[in-house]
Amino acid sequence: QLIKLGIGPDDRVAICVERGSQMIIGLLATLKAGAGYVPLDPAYPAERLAYLL
C-alpha cells in the first residue's frame, strides 16, 4: 500500500505503534518501499509526537 501511495526512496515513514508484530510489519513494508522509517514511541505525549512530525 505504501508503494501505491507513492512512497519511495526519498521518503520517510513515521511508525507509532507498540513493539510487536505490527511494528515489524510496518518496518518491513517501509523498507520494501525503499523509504526510511522514523520510530515514534506511542507513550510520548501528543505534543511531543506532533513536534517530531
Foldseek 3Di string as FASTA:
>chain_A
DCVVVVDAQVAEAEDEDPDDDVVVVVCVVCVVRNYHYDYDYNVDDPVVVVVVD
